[in-house]
Amino acid sequence: MGKEKTEFEEQFVSKTEKAKKLWEKRIMENTTLSMESVQWMAQRINSLLEYMQYGYALIAYRKQDGSFYMGKGTLVSYESDFKKKHDMTSIKAHVAYWDAEQQGWRTFLIENFMEWRPIVN
């Protein structure tokens, strides 16, 4: 019965929701944050990825060495650079983005995300 329920649920759970659950699991495994904070992070990462497909965002995260980083990022050129559409559901651990200040593709670990804000000209 449990397997049937899982298959039934999977048919009606969006790919985005599945991705967010995967991110939540990773964040829980790699941090000591509360479930509420983990869910907030996953939702903010989702909104960041949606926004960056069409614009620039100010992104704050911890680098792997523990230092703080804040930069201007986008996914606007993703499709032309990689010859495929950006698929947020394929993100397992690293979020890739174009760093407008460093003029290159960069990544950060999902669990190191802190916050983002839209950049409006």
Foldseek 3Di string as FASTA:
>chain_A
DVVVVVVVVVVVQDLLNVLLVLQLVVLVVVDVDDSVVSSVLSVQVVVVQVVQCPAKKWWWFAAPVRHIDTFIWHCVCVCVVVVDDDDSSVDRFWDWTQGPVVRGIDIGGSNGTDHMDTDDD
